[in-house]
PDB file of N, CA and C in Angstrom:
ATOM      1  N   MET A   1       0.849  -1.188   0.000  1.00  0.00           N
ATOM      2  CA  MET A   1       0.000   0.000   0.000  1.00  0.00           C
ATOM      3  C   MET A   1       0.887   1.241   0.000  1.00  0.00           C
ATOM      4  N   GLN A   2       0.609   2.129  -0.902  1.00  0.00           N
ATOM      5  CA  GLN A   2       1.357   3.383  -0.953  1.00  0.00           C
ATOM      6  C   GLN A   2       0.763   4.328   0.084  1.00  0.00           C
ATOM      7  N   ILE A   3       1.621   4.895   0.916  1.00  0.00           N
ATOM      8  CA  ILE A   3       1.144   5.808   1.956  1.00  0.00           C
ATOM      9  C   ILE A   3       0.928   7.183   1.356  1.00  0.00           C
ATOM     10  N   GLN A   4      -0.243   7.739   1.661  1.00  0.00           N
ATOM     11  CA  GLN A   4      -0.603   9.075   1.200  1.00  0.00           C
ATOM     12  C   GLN A   4      -1.569   9.668   2.201  1.00  0.00           C
ATOM     13  N   PRO A   5      -1.782  10.986   2.162  1.00  0.00           N
ATOM     14  CA  PRO A   5      -2.745  11.587   3.087  1.00  0.00           C
ATOM     15  C   PRO A   5      -4.120  10.937   2.924  1.00  0.00           C
ATOM     16  N   ILE A   6      -4.863  10.875   4.012  1.00  0.00           N
ATOM     17  CA  ILE A   6      -6.195  10.267   3.978  1.00  0.00           C
ATOM     18  C   ILE A   6      -7.216  11.377   3.773  1.00  0.00           C
ATOM     19  N   HIS A   7      -7.837  11.376   2.589  1.00  0.00           N
ATOM     20  CA  HIS A   7      -8.827  12.403   2.255  1.00  0.00           C
ATOM     21  C   HIS A   7     -10.218  11.821   2.042  1.00  0.00           C
ATOM     22  N   THR A   8     -10.307  10.511   1.886  1.00  0.00           N
ATOM     23  CA  THR A   8     -11.607   9.905   1.594  1.00  0.00           C
ATOM     24  C   THR A   8     -11.900   8.776   2.577  1.00  0.00           C
ATOM     25  N   GLU A   9     -13.176   8.482   2.704  1.00  0.00           N
ATOM     26  CA  GLU A   9     -13.612   7.368   3.547  1.00  0.00           C
ATOM     27  C   GLU A   9     -13.041   6.048   3.027  1.00  0.00           C
ATOM     28  N   ASN A  10     -12.961   5.923   1.711  1.00  0.00           N
ATOM     29  CA  ASN A  10     -12.429   4.714   1.099  1.00  0.00           C
ATOM     30  C   ASN A  10     -10.961   4.492   1.489  1.00  0.00           C
ATOM     31  N   TYR A  11     -10.152   5.548   1.379  1.00  0.00           N
ATOM     32  CA  TYR A  11      -8.745   5.398   1.740  1.00  0.00           C
ATOM     33  C   TYR A  11      -8.582   5.208   3.249  1.00  0.00           C
ATOM     34  N   TYR A  12      -9.436   5.836   4.020  1.00  0.00           N
ATOM     35  CA  TYR A  12      -9.429   5.640   5.476  1.00  0.00           C
ATOM     36  C   TYR A  12      -9.642   4.161   5.806  1.00  0.00           C
ATOM     37  N   GLN A  13     -10.628   3.544   5.161  1.00  0.00           N
ATOM     38  CA  GLN A  13     -10.906   2.121   5.406  1.00  0.00           C
ATOM     39  C   GLN A  13      -9.733   1.248   4.959  1.00  0.00           C
ATOM     40  N   LYS A  14      -9.127   1.580   3.828  1.00  0.00           N
ATOM     41  CA  LYS A  14      -7.955   0.818   3.362  1.00  0.00           C
ATOM     42  C   LYS A  14      -6.805   0.933   4.365  1.00  0.00           C
ATOM     43  N   ALA A  15      -6.626   2.128   4.924  1.00  0.00           N
ATOM     44  CA  ALA A  15      -5.562   2.323   5.912  1.00  0.00           C
ATOM     45  C   ALA A  15      -5.844   1.501   7.172  1.00  0.00           C
ATOM     46  N   LEU A  16      -7.107   1.468   7.610  1.00  0.00           N
ATOM     47  CA  LEU A  16      -7.469   0.642   8.772  1.00  0.00           C
ATOM     48  C   LEU A  16      -7.211  -0.838   8.496  1.00  0.00           C
ATOM     49  N   ASP A  17      -7.577  -1.287   7.300  1.00  0.00           N
ATOM     50  CA  ASP A  17      -7.338  -2.690   6.924  1.00  0.00           C
ATOM     51  C   ASP A  17      -5.842  -3.008   6.930  1.00  0.00           C
ATOM     52  N   ARG A  18      -5.048  -2.073   6.416  1.00  0.00           N
ATOM     53  CA  ARG A  18      -3.597  -2.294   6.371  1.00  0.00           C
ATOM     54  C   ARG A  18      -3.006  -2.335   7.780  1.00  0.00           C
ATOM     55  N   ILE A  19      -3.511  -1.495   8.660  1.00  0.00           N
ATOM     56  CA  ILE A  19      -3.039  -1.505  10.059  1.00  0.00           C
ATOM     57  C   ILE A  19      -3.296  -2.880  10.672  1.00  0.00           C
ATOM     58  N   GLU A  20      -4.454  -3.454  10.391  1.00  0.00           N
ATOM     59  CA  GLU A  20      -4.750  -4.791  10.918  1.00  0.00           C
ATOM     60  C   GLU A  20      -3.735  -5.807  10.409  1.00  0.00           C
ATOM     61  N   GLU A  21      -3.363  -5.698   9.142  1.00  0.00           N
ATOM     62  CA  GLU A  21      -2.411  -6.647   8.542  1.00  0.00           C
ATOM     63  C   GLU A  21      -1.026  -6.554   9.186  1.00  0.00           C
ATOM     64  N   ILE A  22      -0.593  -5.361   9.516  1.00  0.00           N
ATOM     65  CA  ILE A  22       0.789  -5.171   9.997  1.00  0.00           C
ATOM     66  C   ILE A  22       0.851  -4.794  11.475  1.00  0.00           C
ATOM     67  N   PHE A  23      -0.220  -5.048  12.206  1.00  0.00           N
ATOM     68  CA  PHE A  23      -0.329  -4.612  13.591  1.00  0.00           C
ATOM     69  C   PHE A  23       0.828  -5.072  14.473  1.00  0.00           C
ATOM     70  N   ASP A  24       1.348  -6.249  14.249  1.00  0.00           N
ATOM     71  CA  ASP A  24       2.424  -6.796  15.084  1.00  0.00           C
ATOM     72  C   ASP A  24       3.822  -6.516  14.529  1.00  0.00           C
ATOM     73  N   ALA A  25       3.927  -5.577  13.603  1.00  0.00           N
ATOM     74  CA  ALA A  25       5.229  -5.260  13.009  1.00  0.00           C
ATOM     75  C   ALA A  25       6.196  -4.748  14.074  1.00  0.00           C
ATOM     76  N   LYS A  26       7.429  -5.120  13.941  1.00  0.00           N
ATOM     77  CA  LYS A  26       8.468  -4.707  14.881  1.00  0.00           C
ATOM     78  C   LYS A  26       8.919  -3.276  14.572  1.00  0.00           C
ATOM     79  N   PRO A  27       9.119  -2.457  15.618  1.00  0.00           N
ATOM     80  CA  PRO A  27       9.625  -1.087  15.409  1.00  0.00           C
ATOM     81  C   PRO A  27      10.977  -1.122  14.697  1.00  0.00           C
ATOM     82  N   GLY A  28      11.191  -0.149  13.841  1.00  0.00           N
ATOM     83  CA  GLY A  28      12.466  -0.054  13.138  1.00  0.00           C
ATOM     84  C   GLY A  28      12.496  -0.817  11.833  1.00  0.00           C
ATOM     85  N   THR A  29      11.472  -1.606  11.553  1.00  0.00           N
ATOM     86  CA  THR A  29      11.387  -2.311  10.278  1.00  0.00           C
ATOM     87  C   THR A  29      10.564  -1.455   9.319  1.00  0.00           C
ATOM     88  N   ASN A  30      10.574  -1.831   8.031  1.00  0.00           N
ATOM     89  CA  ASN A  30       9.771  -1.088   7.059  1.00  0.00           C
ATOM     90  C   ASN A  30       8.294  -1.110   7.440  1.00  0.00           C
ATOM     91  N   GLU A  31       7.801  -2.294   7.832  1.00  0.00           N
ATOM     92  CA  GLU A  31       6.393  -2.391   8.229  1.00  0.00           C
ATOM     93  C   GLU A  31       6.140  -1.659   9.544  1.00  0.00           C
ATOM     94  N   GLY A  32       7.104  -1.655  10.439  1.00  0.00           N
ATOM     95  CA  GLY A  32       6.967  -0.916  11.681  1.00  0.00           C
ATOM     96  C   GLY A  32       6.846   0.576  11.422  1.00  0.00           C
ATOM     97  N   ASP A  33       7.650   1.084  10.496  1.00  0.00           N
ATOM     98  CA  ASP A  33       7.569   2.496  10.122  1.00  0.00           C
ATOM     99  C   ASP A  33       6.233   2.801   9.449  1.00  0.00           C
ATOM    100  N   GLU A  34       5.799   1.894   8.578  1.00  0.00           N
ATOM    101  CA  GLU A  34       4.514   2.062   7.899  1.00  0.00           C
ATOM    102  C   GLU A  34       3.377   2.103   8.923  1.00  0.00           C
ATOM    103  N   LEU A  35       3.439   1.223   9.899  1.00  0.00           N
ATOM    104  CA  LEU A  35       2.430   1.172  10.950  1.00  0.00           C
ATOM    105  C   LEU A  35       2.371   2.496  11.710  1.00  0.00           C
ATOM    106  N   GLU A  36       3.530   3.018  12.048  1.00  0.00           N
ATOM    107  CA  GLU A  36       3.582   4.283  12.784  1.00  0.00           C
ATOM    108  C   GLU A  36       3.004   5.434  11.970  1.00  0.00           C
ATOM    109  N   ILE A  37       3.378   5.519  10.708  1.00  0.00           N
ATOM    110  CA  ILE A  37       2.893   6.595   9.839  1.00  0.00           C
ATOM    111  C   ILE A  37       1.392   6.478   9.610  1.00  0.00           C
ATOM    112  N   LEU A  38       0.913   5.262   9.346  1.00  0.00           N
ATOM    113  CA  LEU A  38      -0.516   5.077   9.145  1.00  0.00           C
ATOM    114  C   LEU A  38      -1.301   5.433  10.410  1.00  0.00           C
ATOM    115  N   GLY A  39      -0.745   5.095  11.562  1.00  0.00           N
ATOM    116  CA  GLY A  39      -1.395   5.438  12.821  1.00  0.00           C
ATOM    117  C   GLY A  39      -1.572   6.939  12.978  1.00  0.00           C
ATOM    118  N   ILE A  40      -0.549   7.684  12.610  1.00  0.00           N
ATOM    119  CA  ILE A  40      -0.609   9.148  12.683  1.00  0.00           C
ATOM    120  C   ILE A  40      -1.644   9.688  11.699  1.00  0.00           C
ATOM    121  N   LEU A  41      -1.630   9.178  10.476  1.00  0.00           N
ATOM    122  CA  LEU A  41      -2.575   9.642   9.467  1.00  0.00           C
ATOM    123  C   LEU A  41      -4.024   9.321   9.859  1.00  0.00           C
ATOM    124  N   ILE A  42      -4.242   8.129  10.375  1.00  0.00           N
ATOM    125  CA  ILE A  42      -5.590   7.733  10.807  1.00  0.00           C
ATOM    126  C   ILE A  42      -6.044   8.597  11.965  1.00  0.00           C
ATOM    127  N   ASP A  43      -5.160   8.847  12.914  1.00  0.00           N
ATOM    128  CA  ASP A  43      -5.511   9.683  14.061  1.00  0.00           C
ATOM    129  C   ASP A  43      -5.940  11.077  13.603  1.00  0.00           C
ATOM    130  N   GLU A  44      -5.205  11.668  12.691  1.00  0.00           N
ATOM    131  CA  GLU A  44      -5.540  13.004  12.182  1.00  0.00           C
ATOM    132  C   GLU A  44      -6.874  12.993  11.442  1.00  0.00           C
ATOM    133  N   TYR A  45      -7.115  11.968  10.648  1.00  0.00           N
ATOM    134  CA  TYR A  45      -8.383  11.855   9.925  1.00  0.00           C
ATOM    135  C   TYR A  45      -9.543  11.750  10.909  1.00  0.00           C
ATOM    136  N   GLN A  46      -9.373  10.933  11.939  1.00  0.00           N
ATOM    137  CA  GLN A  46     -10.430  10.744  12.930  1.00  0.00           C
ATOM    138  C   GLN A  46     -10.707  12.025  13.708  1.00  0.00           C
ATOM    139  N   LYS A  47      -9.667  12.760  14.061  1.00  0.00           N
ATOM    140  CA  LYS A  47      -9.866  14.026  14.769  1.00  0.00           C
ATOM    141  C   LYS A  47     -10.675  15.009  13.931  1.00  0.00           C
ATOM    142  N   LYS A  48     -10.420  14.994  12.630  1.00  0.00           N
ATOM    143  CA  LYS A  48     -11.093  15.926  11.729  1.00  0.00           C
ATOM    144  C   LYS A  48     -12.530  15.490  11.426  1.00  0.00           C
ATOM    145  N   HIS A  49     -12.736  14.199  11.213  1.00  0.00           N
ATOM    146  CA  HIS A  49     -14.034  13.715  10.748  1.00  0.00           C
ATOM    147  C   HIS A  49     -14.922  13.111  11.843  1.00  0.00           C
ATOM    148  N   PHE A  50     -14.337  12.729  12.964  1.00  0.00           N
ATOM    149  CA  PHE A  50     -15.096  12.130  14.058  1.00  0.00           C
ATOM    150  C   PHE A  50     -14.694  12.776  15.382  1.00  0.00           C
ATOM    151  N   PRO A  51     -14.853  14.099  15.507  1.00  0.00           N
ATOM    152  CA  PRO A  51     -14.397  14.758  16.746  1.00  0.00           C
ATOM    153  C   PRO A  51     -15.205  14.286  17.957  1.00  0.00           C
ATOM    154  N   ILE A  52     -14.533  14.232  19.081  1.00  0.00           N
ATOM    155  CA  ILE A  52     -15.173  13.854  20.334  1.00  0.00           C
ATOM    156  C   ILE A  52     -15.151  15.077  21.239  1.00  0.00           C
ATOM    157  N   ASP A  53     -16.325  15.520  21.610  1.00  0.00           N
ATOM    158  CA  ASP A  53     -16.425  16.681  22.485  1.00  0.00           C
ATOM    159  C   ASP A  53     -15.991  16.315  23.899  1.00  0.00           C
ATOM    160  N   ALA A  54     -15.504  17.304  24.608  1.00  0.00           N
ATOM    161  CA  ALA A  54     -15.163  17.103  26.017  1.00  0.00           C
ATOM    162  C   ALA A  54     -16.438  16.779  26.787  1.00  0.00           C
ATOM    163  N   PRO A  55     -16.346  15.929  27.788  1.00  0.00           N
ATOM    164  CA  PRO A  55     -17.552  15.593  28.541  1.00  0.00           C
ATOM    165  C   PRO A  55     -18.056  16.782  29.343  1.00  0.00           C
ATOM    166  N   LYS A  56     -19.343  16.753  29.669  1.00  0.00           N
ATOM    167  CA  LYS A  56     -19.905  17.778  30.544  1.00  0.00           C
ATOM    168  C   LYS A  56     -19.324  17.570  31.929  1.00  0.00           C
ATOM    169  N   PRO A  57     -19.178  18.637  32.706  1.00  0.00           N
ATOM    170  CA  PRO A  57     -18.546  18.517  34.024  1.00  0.00           C
ATOM    171  C   PRO A  57     -19.150  17.420  34.911  1.00  0.00           C
ATOM    172  N   VAL A  58     -20.464  17.325  34.957  1.00  0.00           N
ATOM    173  CA  VAL A  58     -21.099  16.317  35.817  1.00  0.00           C
ATOM    174  C   VAL A  58     -20.740  14.908  35.346  1.00  0.00           C
ATOM    175  N   GLU A  59     -20.714  14.710  34.029  1.00  0.00           N
ATOM    176  CA  GLU A  59     -20.365  13.394  33.496  1.00  0.00           C
ATOM    177  C   GLU A  59     -18.907  13.052  33.813  1.00  0.00           C
ATOM    178  N   ALA A  60     -18.027  14.048  33.741  1.00  0.00           N
ATOM    179  CA  ALA A  60     -16.622  13.827  34.080  1.00  0.00           C
ATOM    180  C   ALA A  60     -16.473  13.455  35.559  1.00  0.00           C
ATOM    181  N   ILE A  61     -17.231  14.118  36.412  1.00  0.00           N
ATOM    182  CA  ILE A  61     -17.176  13.817  37.853  1.00  0.00           C
ATOM    183  C   ILE A  61     -17.669  12.398  38.109  1.00  0.00           C
ATOM    184  N   LYS A  62     -18.804  12.041  37.524  1.00  0.00           N
ATOM    185  CA  LYS A  62     -19.350  10.691  37.713  1.00  0.00           C
ATOM    186  C   LYS A  62     -18.394   9.615  37.199  1.00  0.00           C
ATOM    187  N   PHE A  63     -17.798   9.876  36.040  1.00  0.00           N
ATOM    188  CA  PHE A  63     -16.852   8.922  35.466  1.00  0.00           C
ATOM    189  C   PHE A  63     -15.659   8.730  36.388  1.00  0.00           C
ATOM    190  N   ARG A  64     -15.096   9.834  36.870  1.00  0.00           N
ATOM    191  CA  ARG A  64     -13.926   9.752  37.750  1.00  0.00           C
ATOM    192  C   ARG A  64     -14.283   9.087  39.076  1.00  0.00           C
ATOM    193  N   MET A  65     -15.463   9.386  39.606  1.00  0.00           N
ATOM    194  CA  MET A  65     -15.908   8.738  40.840  1.00  0.00           C
ATOM    195  C   MET A  65     -15.999   7.227  40.637  1.00  0.00           C
ATOM    196  N   ASP A  66     -16.533   6.826  39.494  1.00  0.00           N
ATOM    197  CA  ASP A  66     -16.639   5.399  39.182  1.00  0.00           C
ATOM    198  C   ASP A  66     -15.255   4.759  39.094  1.00  0.00           C
ATOM    199  N   GLN A  67     -14.333   5.439  38.447  1.00  0.00           N
ATOM    200  CA  GLN A  67     -12.959   4.928  38.332  1.00  0.00           C
ATOM    201  C   GLN A  67     -12.327   4.717  39.702  1.00  0.00           C
ATOM    202  N   LEU A  68     -12.605   5.628  40.619  1.00  0.00           N
ATOM    203  CA  LEU A  68     -11.996   5.589  41.948  1.00  0.00           C
ATOM    204  C   LEU A  68     -12.818   4.785  42.964  1.00  0.00           C
ATOM    205  N   GLY A  69     -13.973   4.265  42.533  1.00  0.00           N
ATOM    206  CA  GLY A  69     -14.829   3.518  43.448  1.00  0.00           C
ATOM    207  C   GLY A  69     -15.482   4.397  44.496  1.00  0.00           C
ATOM    208  N   MET A  70     -15.698   5.652  44.150  1.00  0.00           N
ATOM    209  CA  MET A  70     -16.291   6.609  45.091  1.00  0.00           C
ATOM    210  C   MET A  70     -17.812   6.564  45.036  1.00  0.00           C
ATOM    211  N   GLU A  71     -18.419   6.947  46.143  1.00  0.00           N
ATOM    212  CA  GLU A  71     -19.862   7.085  46.214  1.00  0.00           C
ATOM    213  C   GLU A  71     -20.202   8.552  46.452  1.00  0.00           C
ATOM    214  N   GLN A  72     -21.484   8.858  46.392  1.00  0.00           N
ATOM    215  CA  GLN A  72     -21.911  10.241  46.561  1.00  0.00           C
ATOM    216  C   GLN A  72     -21.488  10.783  47.928  1.00  0.00           C
ATOM    217  N   LYS A  73     -21.487   9.947  48.936  1.00  0.00           N
ATOM    218  CA  LYS A  73     -21.088  10.404  50.273  1.00  0.00           C
ATOM    219  C   LYS A  73     -19.618  10.844  50.281  1.00  0.00           C
ATOM    220  N   ASP A  74     -18.781  10.181  49.462  1.00  0.00           N
ATOM    221  CA  ASP A  74     -17.371  10.573  49.374  1.00  0.00           C
ATOM    222  C   ASP A  74     -17.236  11.950  48.726  1.00  0.00           C
ATOM    223  N   LEU A  75     -18.043  12.185  47.701  1.00  0.00           N
ATOM    224  CA  LEU A  75     -18.039  13.497  47.059  1.00  0.00           C
ATOM    225  C   LEU A  75     -18.546  14.561  48.032  1.00  0.00           C
ATOM    226  N   ALA A  76     -19.550  14.202  48.826  1.00  0.00           N
ATOM    227  CA  ALA A  76     -20.099  15.133  49.821  1.00  0.00           C
ATOM    228  C   ALA A  76     -19.025  15.562  50.805  1.00  0.00           C
ATOM    229  N   GLN A  77     -18.161  14.637  51.202  1.00  0.00           N
ATOM    230  CA  GLN A  77     -17.066  14.988  52.120  1.00  0.00           C
ATOM    231  C   GLN A  77     -16.122  15.994  51.475  1.00  0.00           C
ATOM    232  N   LEU A  78     -15.872  15.836  50.189  1.00  0.00           N
ATOM    233  CA  LEU A  78     -14.982  16.776  49.492  1.00  0.00           C
ATOM    234  C   LEU A  78     -15.615  18.158  49.359  1.00  0.00           C
ATOM    235  N   LEU A  79     -16.909  18.175  49.063  1.00  0.00           N
ATOM    236  CA  LEU A  79     -17.578  19.439  48.758  1.00  0.00           C
ATOM    237  C   LEU A  79     -18.237  20.098  49.961  1.00  0.00           C
ATOM    238  N   GLY A  80     -18.351  19.375  51.072  1.00  0.00           N
ATOM    239  CA  GLY A  80     -18.854  20.003  52.287  1.00  0.00           C
ATOM    240  C   GLY A  80     -20.236  19.590  52.744  1.00  0.00           C
ATOM    241  N   SER A  81     -21.072  19.056  51.845  1.00  0.00           N
ATOM    242  CA  SER A  81     -22.398  18.629  52.304  1.00  0.00           C
ATOM    243  C   SER A  81     -23.022  17.636  51.330  1.00  0.00           C
ATOM    244  N   LYS A  82     -23.918  16.809  51.869  1.00  0.00           N
ATOM    245  CA  LYS A  82     -24.626  15.827  51.047  1.00  0.00           C
ATOM    246  C   LYS A  82     -25.527  16.522  50.029  1.00  0.00           C
ATOM    247  N   SER A  83     -26.216  17.561  50.477  1.00  0.00           N
ATOM    248  CA  SER A  83     -27.150  18.239  49.574  1.00  0.00           C
ATOM    249  C   SER A  83     -26.419  18.898  48.405  1.00  0.00           C
ATOM    250  N   ARG A  84     -25.264  19.484  48.681  1.00  0.00           N
ATOM    251  CA  ARG A  84     -24.487  20.127  47.615  1.00  0.00           C
ATOM    252  C   ARG A  84     -24.032  19.088  46.591  1.00  0.00           C
ATOM    253  N   ALA A  85     -23.528  17.962  47.068  1.00  0.00           N
ATOM    254  CA  ALA A  85     -23.085  16.897  46.162  1.00  0.00           C
ATOM    255  C   ALA A  85     -24.264  16.395  45.334  1.00  0.00           C
ATOM    256  N   SER A  86     -25.396  16.199  45.970  1.00  0.00           N
ATOM    257  CA  SER A  86     -26.595  15.727  45.281  1.00  0.00           C
ATOM    258  C   SER A  86     -27.047  16.708  44.204  1.00  0.00           C
ATOM    259  N   GLU A  87     -27.071  17.993  44.539  1.00  0.00           N
ATOM    260  CA  GLU A  87     -27.490  19.016  43.585  1.00  0.00           C
ATOM    261  C   GLU A  87     -26.543  19.095  42.396  1.00  0.00           C
ATOM    262  N   ILE A  88     -25.254  18.949  42.641  1.00  0.00           N
ATOM    263  CA  ILE A  88     -24.275  19.003  41.552  1.00  0.00           C
ATOM    264  C   ILE A  88     -24.424  17.783  40.652  1.00  0.00           C
ATOM    265  N   LEU A  89     -24.522  16.603  41.242  1.00  0.00           N
ATOM    266  CA  LEU A  89     -24.632  15.382  40.446  1.00  0.00           C
ATOM    267  C   LEU A  89     -25.944  15.306  39.664  1.00  0.00           C
ATOM    268  N   SER A  90     -26.982  15.938  40.161  1.00  0.00           N
ATOM    269  CA  SER A  90     -28.269  15.926  39.455  1.00  0.00           C
ATOM    270  C   SER A  90     -28.371  17.055  38.431  1.00  0.00           C
ATOM    271  N   GLY A  91     -27.378  17.950  38.423  1.00  0.00           N
ATOM    272  CA  GLY A  91     -27.374  19.054  37.474  1.00  0.00           C
ATOM    273  C   GLY A  91     -28.194  20.251  37.926  1.00  0.00           C
ATOM    274  N   LYS A  92     -28.639  20.240  39.158  1.00  0.00           N
ATOM    275  CA  LYS A  92     -29.446  21.342  39.678  1.00  0.00           C
ATOM    276  C   LYS A  92     -28.593  22.513  40.159  1.00  0.00           C
ATOM    277  N   ARG A  93     -27.315  22.269  40.358  1.00  0.00           N
ATOM    278  CA  ARG A  93     -26.423  23.310  40.863  1.00  0.00           C
ATOM    279  C   ARG A  93     -25.132  23.291  40.034  1.00  0.00           C
ATOM    280  N   SER A  94     -24.649  24.461  39.686  1.00  0.00           N
ATOM    281  CA  SER A  94     -23.379  24.577  38.968  1.00  0.00           C
ATOM    282  C   SER A  94     -22.222  24.511  39.955  1.00  0.00           C
ATOM    283  N   LEU A  95     -21.083  24.156  39.444  1.00  0.00           N
ATOM    284  CA  LEU A  95     -19.873  24.117  40.266  1.00  0.00           C
ATOM    285  C   LEU A  95     -19.340  25.529  40.486  1.00  0.00           C
ATOM    286  N   SER A  96     -18.903  25.792  41.697  1.00  0.00           N
ATOM    287  CA  SER A  96     -18.241  27.067  41.976  1.00  0.00           C
ATOM    288  C   SER A  96     -16.760  26.918  41.647  1.00  0.00           C
ATOM    289  N   LEU A  97     -16.058  28.008  41.559  1.00  0.00           N
ATOM    290  CA  LEU A  97     -14.624  27.975  41.303  1.00  0.00           C
ATOM    291  C   LEU A  97     -13.906  27.189  42.396  1.00  0.00           C
ATOM    292  N   ARG A  98     -14.313  27.375  43.632  1.00  0.00           N
ATOM    293  CA  ARG A  98     -13.724  26.642  44.763  1.00  0.00           C
ATOM    294  C   ARG A  98     -13.912  25.130  44.590  1.00  0.00           C
ATOM    295  N   GLN A  99     -15.106  24.717  44.185  1.00  0.00           N
ATOM    296  CA  GLN A  99     -15.387  23.297  43.999  1.00  0.00           C
ATOM    297  C   GLN A  99     -14.585  22.726  42.825  1.00  0.00           C
ATOM    298  N   ILE A 100     -14.460  23.500  41.775  1.00  0.00           N
ATOM    299  CA  ILE A 100     -13.665  23.059  40.622  1.00  0.00           C
ATOM    300  C   ILE A 100     -12.223  22.817  41.057  1.00  0.00           C
ATOM    301  N   LYS A 101     -11.692  23.717  41.853  1.00  0.00           N
ATOM    302  CA  LYS A 101     -10.317  23.562  42.346  1.00  0.00           C
ATOM    303  C   LYS A 101     -10.179  22.324  43.221  1.00  0.00           C
ATOM    304  N   ILE A 102     -11.165  22.072  44.057  1.00  0.00           N
ATOM    305  CA  ILE A 102     -11.132  20.882  44.922  1.00  0.00           C
ATOM    306  C   ILE A 102     -11.134  19.611  44.068  1.00  0.00           C
ATOM    307  N   LEU A 103     -12.025  19.568  43.081  1.00  0.00           N
ATOM    308  CA  LEU A 103     -12.110  18.383  42.223  1.00  0.00           C
ATOM    309  C   LEU A 103     -10.828  18.186  41.416  1.00  0.00           C
ATOM    310  N   TYR A 104     -10.226  19.282  41.020  1.00  0.00           N
ATOM    311  CA  TYR A 104      -8.961  19.200  40.290  1.00  0.00           C
ATOM    312  C   TYR A 104      -7.866  18.617  41.185  1.00  0.00           C
ATOM    313  N   ARG A 105      -7.757  19.140  42.407  1.00  0.00           N
ATOM    314  CA  ARG A 105      -6.695  18.698  43.323  1.00  0.00           C
ATOM    315  C   ARG A 105      -6.932  17.294  43.847  1.00  0.00           C
ATOM    316  N   LYS A 106      -8.141  16.992  44.244  1.00  0.00           N
ATOM    317  CA  LYS A 106      -8.418  15.720  44.920  1.00  0.00           C
ATOM    318  C   LYS A 106      -8.721  14.553  43.974  1.00  0.00           C
ATOM    319  N   LEU A 107      -9.333  14.853  42.832  1.00  0.00           N
ATOM    320  CA  LEU A 107      -9.730  13.782  41.916  1.00  0.00           C
ATOM    321  C   LEU A 107      -8.992  13.817  40.586  1.00  0.00           C
ATOM    322  N   ALA A 108      -8.140  14.821  40.402  1.00  0.00           N
ATOM    323  CA  ALA A 108      -7.370  14.976  39.162  1.00  0.00           C
ATOM    324  C   ALA A 108      -8.284  15.122  37.940  1.00  0.00           C
ATOM    325  N   ILE A 109      -9.392  15.839  38.123  1.00  0.00           N
ATOM    326  CA  ILE A 109     -10.271  16.160  36.999  1.00  0.00           C
ATOM    327  C   ILE A 109      -9.812  17.501  36.448  1.00  0.00           C
ATOM    328  N   PRO A 110      -9.441  17.575  35.183  1.00  0.00           N
ATOM    329  CA  PRO A 110      -8.955  18.840  34.636  1.00  0.00           C
ATOM    330  C   PRO A 110      -9.972  19.955  34.795  1.00  0.00           C
ATOM    331  N   ALA A 111      -9.481  21.108  35.160  1.00  0.00           N
ATOM    332  CA  ALA A 111     -10.360  22.263  35.359  1.00  0.00           C
ATOM    333  C   ALA A 111     -11.004  22.666  34.046  1.00  0.00           C
TER     334      ALA A 111
END
């Protein structure tokens, strides 16, 4: 397969098929280099044609809580009250700057 920029859905699919064929190629080999280049080209095509929006703050908090095995009571301890945590998780209350900073420091959720 000749490597070229990916401008069409057809070439995108061919590039994906080729990646499957050479997926286990060793770095530093011709196929390893081809794999790396195709990966970069596919990534750029996907960013342009299939963008993924950043999650909403509440969804990011819930996801991170799930990753850490946290419950709502744990979030309440961070934010100061059960009602505040409940209101934030239900979308009834927006996050304050102070709360955003706490979530950033304690849960590593990007501000």
